[in-house]
Amino acid sequence: MEVPQEMSAEAPSESEAEQSEGRTASGAPRSSTPLPTAPCSVVWSKGHPFVLEGTHGRARWVGVDDRGRPQRLTGADLQRRGWTSTRSR
């Protein structure tokens, strides 16, 4: 039985195709610059601001989700979600 190309393991998944085009799975542009490391730095992700807290040990990006609940993200989490240093309009 022959497997169609779109189902074969060689065909890139939809998220792989988006990521290869410089976008995250959510469609947000992937930033090629590193995240800021200065305490109290602010970046935007999915329309919400995140502030860098904690300089010693584990630094975390703190913000809120769409329902106003607190969120703590690592730098890797923000890279996956997509971020920008300016608020998108």
N, C-alpha and C. Protein backbone atom coordinates (compact mmCIF):
# COMPACT_ATOMS: atom_id res chain seq x y z
N MET A 1 0.84 -1.18 0.00
CA MET A 1 0.00 0.00 0.00
C MET A 1 0.88 1.24 0.00
N GLU A 2 0.61 2.16 -0.87
CA GLU A 2 1.40 3.37 -0.98
C GLU A 2 0.79 4.47 -0.11
N VAL A 3 1.65 5.17 0.64
CA VAL A 3 1.20 6.25 1.52
C VAL A 3 1.27 7.56 0.75
N PRO A 4 0.17 8.34 0.74
CA PRO A 4 0.21 9.64 0.05
C PRO A 4 1.28 10.53 0.68
N GLN A 5 1.87 11.40 -0.13
CA GLN A 5 2.96 12.26 0.35
C GLN A 5 2.53 13.12 1.53
N GLU A 6 1.29 13.64 1.53
CA GLU A 6 0.88 14.51 2.63
C GLU A 6 0.79 13.76 3.95
N MET A 7 0.73 12.43 3.91
CA MET A 7 0.68 11.64 5.14
C MET A 7 2.02 11.03 5.49
N SER A 8 2.98 11.11 4.61
CA SER A 8 4.27 10.48 4.88
C SER A 8 5.03 11.25 5.94
N ALA A 9 6.02 10.59 6.53
CA ALA A 9 6.81 11.21 7.58
C ALA A 9 7.70 12.31 7.04
N GLU A 10 7.91 12.34 5.73
CA GLU A 10 8.79 13.34 5.14
C GLU A 10 8.12 14.69 4.96
N ALA A 11 6.80 14.73 4.89
CA ALA A 11 6.09 15.99 4.69
C ALA A 11 6.12 16.78 5.99
N PRO A 12 6.48 18.07 5.95
CA PRO A 12 6.50 18.87 7.18
C PRO A 12 5.09 19.10 7.70
N SER A 13 4.96 19.11 9.03
CA SER A 13 3.67 19.40 9.63
C SER A 13 3.34 20.88 9.43
N GLU A 14 2.10 21.22 9.71
CA GLU A 14 1.67 22.61 9.53
C GLU A 14 2.45 23.54 10.45
N SER A 15 2.69 23.12 11.71
CA SER A 15 3.42 23.99 12.63
C SER A 15 4.89 24.10 12.22
N GLU A 16 5.47 23.03 11.66
CA GLU A 16 6.86 23.11 11.19
C GLU A 16 6.97 24.08 10.03
N ALA A 17 5.98 24.07 9.14
CA ALA A 17 6.00 24.98 8.00
C ALA A 17 5.89 26.42 8.48
N GLU A 18 5.02 26.67 9.48
CA GLU A 18 4.88 28.03 10.01
C GLU A 18 6.18 28.48 10.66
N GLN A 19 6.81 27.58 11.43
CA GLN A 19 8.03 27.95 12.13
C GLN A 19 9.16 28.18 11.15
N SER A 20 9.19 27.45 10.05
CA SER A 20 10.25 27.67 9.07
C SER A 20 10.08 29.00 8.36
N GLU A 21 8.87 29.55 8.38
CA GLU A 21 8.61 30.85 7.77
C GLU A 21 8.83 31.98 8.75
N GLY A 22 9.35 31.68 9.96
CA GLY A 22 9.62 32.73 10.94
C GLY A 22 8.42 33.09 11.78
N ARG A 23 7.47 32.17 11.92
CA ARG A 23 6.29 32.41 12.74
C ARG A 23 6.13 31.27 13.74
N THR A 24 5.49 31.57 14.87
CA THR A 24 5.20 30.54 15.85
C THR A 24 3.92 29.84 15.46
N ALA A 25 3.57 28.77 16.17
CA ALA A 25 2.35 28.03 15.87
C ALA A 25 1.11 28.90 16.04
N SER A 26 1.17 29.93 16.87
CA SER A 26 0.02 30.81 17.07
C SER A 26 -0.10 31.85 15.97
N GLY A 27 0.89 31.92 15.08
CA GLY A 27 0.85 32.90 14.00
C GLY A 27 1.59 34.19 14.32
N ALA A 28 2.08 34.33 15.55
CA ALA A 28 2.81 35.53 15.92
C ALA A 28 4.20 35.49 15.31
N PRO A 29 4.75 36.64 14.92
CA PRO A 29 6.09 36.64 14.35
C PRO A 29 7.10 36.16 15.39
N ARG A 30 8.03 35.35 14.96
CA ARG A 30 9.09 34.87 15.85
C ARG A 30 10.19 35.92 15.88
N SER A 31 10.59 36.31 17.09
CA SER A 31 11.64 37.32 17.23
C SER A 31 13.00 36.65 17.11
N SER A 32 13.87 37.23 16.31
CA SER A 32 15.21 36.66 16.15
C SER A 32 16.18 37.27 17.15
N THR A 33 15.77 38.31 17.86
CA THR A 33 16.64 38.93 18.85
C THR A 33 16.44 38.25 20.20
N PRO A 34 17.47 38.23 21.03
CA PRO A 34 17.32 37.61 22.34
C PRO A 34 16.42 38.45 23.25
N LEU A 35 15.81 37.80 24.21
CA LEU A 35 14.97 38.50 25.18
C LEU A 35 15.84 39.43 26.03
N PRO A 36 15.30 40.57 26.47
CA PRO A 36 16.06 41.45 27.36
C PRO A 36 16.35 40.75 28.69
N THR A 37 17.42 41.14 29.34
CA THR A 37 17.80 40.52 30.61
C THR A 37 17.79 41.49 31.77
N ALA A 38 17.57 42.78 31.52
CA ALA A 38 17.55 43.77 32.60
C ALA A 38 16.29 43.58 33.44
N PRO A 39 16.40 43.68 34.76
CA PRO A 39 15.22 43.55 35.61
C PRO A 39 14.16 44.58 35.23
N CYS A 40 12.92 44.21 35.34
CA CYS A 40 11.77 45.06 35.04
C CYS A 40 11.62 45.38 33.55
N SER A 41 12.29 44.63 32.68
CA SER A 41 12.10 44.79 31.24
C SER A 41 10.68 44.35 30.89
N VAL A 42 10.10 44.97 29.87
CA VAL A 42 8.74 44.63 29.45
C VAL A 42 8.76 44.18 28.00
N VAL A 43 8.09 43.06 27.72
CA VAL A 43 7.87 42.59 26.35
C VAL A 43 6.38 42.28 26.21
N TRP A 44 5.92 42.17 24.97
CA TRP A 44 4.52 41.89 24.69
C TRP A 44 4.40 40.53 24.01
N SER A 45 3.41 39.75 24.43
CA SER A 45 3.15 38.45 23.83
C SER A 45 1.64 38.22 23.80
N LYS A 46 1.11 37.93 22.63
CA LYS A 46 -0.32 37.68 22.45
C LYS A 46 -1.17 38.82 23.02
N GLY A 47 -0.69 40.05 22.86
CA GLY A 47 -1.45 41.22 23.29
C GLY A 47 -1.35 41.57 24.76
N HIS A 48 -0.49 40.89 25.51
CA HIS A 48 -0.35 41.14 26.94
C HIS A 48 1.09 41.47 27.29
N PRO A 49 1.29 42.43 28.23
CA PRO A 49 2.65 42.74 28.66
C PRO A 49 3.16 41.70 29.66
N PHE A 50 4.46 41.43 29.59
CA PHE A 50 5.13 40.56 30.54
C PHE A 50 6.37 41.28 31.05
N VAL A 51 6.56 41.25 32.38
CA VAL A 51 7.66 41.96 33.04
C VAL A 51 8.64 40.92 33.59
N LEU A 52 9.94 41.16 33.39
CA LEU A 52 10.96 40.25 33.90
C LEU A 52 11.15 40.50 35.40
N GLU A 53 10.93 39.47 36.20
CA GLU A 53 11.10 39.56 37.65
C GLU A 53 12.14 38.54 38.10
N GLY A 54 12.88 38.91 39.12
CA GLY A 54 13.88 38.00 39.69
C GLY A 54 15.19 38.08 38.94
N THR A 55 16.20 38.59 39.61
CA THR A 55 17.50 38.72 38.96
C THR A 55 18.45 37.60 39.39
N HIS A 56 18.25 37.06 40.58
CA HIS A 56 19.11 35.99 41.08
C HIS A 56 18.35 34.68 41.01
N GLY A 57 19.01 33.67 40.53
CA GLY A 57 18.33 32.38 40.42
C GLY A 57 17.47 32.32 39.18
N ARG A 58 16.21 32.01 39.35
CA ARG A 58 15.30 31.85 38.22
C ARG A 58 14.59 33.15 37.89
N ALA A 59 14.93 33.72 36.77
CA ALA A 59 14.21 34.91 36.30
C ALA A 59 12.97 34.43 35.55
N ARG A 60 11.83 35.04 35.82
CA ARG A 60 10.58 34.66 35.17
C ARG A 60 9.91 35.90 34.59
N TRP A 61 9.18 35.68 33.51
CA TRP A 61 8.37 36.73 32.89
C TRP A 61 6.97 36.61 33.47
N VAL A 62 6.48 37.68 34.09
CA VAL A 62 5.19 37.66 34.78
C VAL A 62 4.21 38.57 34.05
N GLY A 63 3.01 38.04 33.83
CA GLY A 63 1.95 38.80 33.17
C GLY A 63 0.61 38.17 33.50
N VAL A 64 -0.39 38.43 32.67
CA VAL A 64 -1.71 37.85 32.86
C VAL A 64 -2.20 37.23 31.55
N ASP A 65 -3.13 36.26 31.67
CA ASP A 65 -3.71 35.66 30.48
C ASP A 65 -4.94 36.46 30.04
N ASP A 66 -5.70 35.93 29.09
CA ASP A 66 -6.87 36.63 28.57
C ASP A 66 -7.95 36.87 29.61
N ARG A 67 -7.95 36.08 30.67
CA ARG A 67 -8.97 36.22 31.72
C ARG A 67 -8.45 36.97 32.94
N GLY A 68 -7.27 37.53 32.86
CA GLY A 68 -6.71 38.30 33.97
C GLY A 68 -6.02 37.47 35.04
N ARG A 69 -5.84 36.18 34.78
CA ARG A 69 -5.16 35.32 35.75
C ARG A 69 -3.65 35.47 35.59
N PRO A 70 -2.91 35.46 36.71
CA PRO A 70 -1.46 35.62 36.61
C PRO A 70 -0.81 34.47 35.86
N GLN A 71 0.22 34.80 35.10
CA GLN A 71 1.01 33.80 34.37
C GLN A 71 2.48 34.05 34.63
N ARG A 72 3.24 32.98 34.82
CA ARG A 72 4.69 33.06 34.95
C ARG A 72 5.28 32.22 33.84
N LEU A 73 6.09 32.84 32.99
CA LEU A 73 6.67 32.15 31.85
C LEU A 73 8.19 32.20 31.90
N THR A 74 8.83 31.18 31.36
CA THR A 74 10.28 31.20 31.21
C THR A 74 10.61 31.91 29.90
N GLY A 75 11.87 32.21 29.71
CA GLY A 75 12.30 32.81 28.44
C GLY A 75 12.00 31.90 27.27
N ALA A 76 12.17 30.59 27.46
CA ALA A 76 11.87 29.62 26.39
C ALA A 76 10.38 29.63 26.05
N ASP A 77 9.53 29.75 27.08
CA ASP A 77 8.08 29.82 26.83
C ASP A 77 7.75 31.03 25.96
N LEU A 78 8.35 32.18 26.28
CA LEU A 78 8.09 33.39 25.50
C LEU A 78 8.60 33.25 24.07
N GLN A 79 9.75 32.62 23.90
CA GLN A 79 10.28 32.41 22.55
C GLN A 79 9.31 31.56 21.73
N ARG A 80 8.74 30.52 22.35
CA ARG A 80 7.78 29.65 21.64
C ARG A 80 6.50 30.40 21.29
N ARG A 81 6.01 31.23 22.22
CA ARG A 81 4.76 31.96 22.01
C ARG A 81 4.91 33.09 21.00
N GLY A 82 6.12 33.62 20.91
CA GLY A 82 6.36 34.81 20.09
C GLY A 82 6.24 36.05 20.97
N TRP A 83 7.09 37.02 20.75
CA TRP A 83 7.08 38.23 21.56
C TRP A 83 7.61 39.39 20.74
N THR A 84 7.34 40.59 21.24
CA THR A 84 7.85 41.80 20.62
C THR A 84 8.12 42.82 21.72
N SER A 85 8.99 43.77 21.45
CA SER A 85 9.30 44.79 22.46
C SER A 85 8.30 45.94 22.41
N THR A 86 7.45 45.97 21.41
CA THR A 86 6.43 47.02 21.30
C THR A 86 5.04 46.40 21.25
N ARG A 87 4.07 47.13 21.73
CA ARG A 87 2.69 46.65 21.73
C ARG A 87 2.15 46.67 20.30
N SER A 88 1.54 45.57 19.88
CA SER A 88 0.95 45.54 18.54
C SER A 88 -0.43 46.17 18.59
N ARG A 89 -0.82 46.82 17.50
CA ARG A 89 -2.11 47.51 17.48
C ARG A 89 -3.08 46.82 16.61
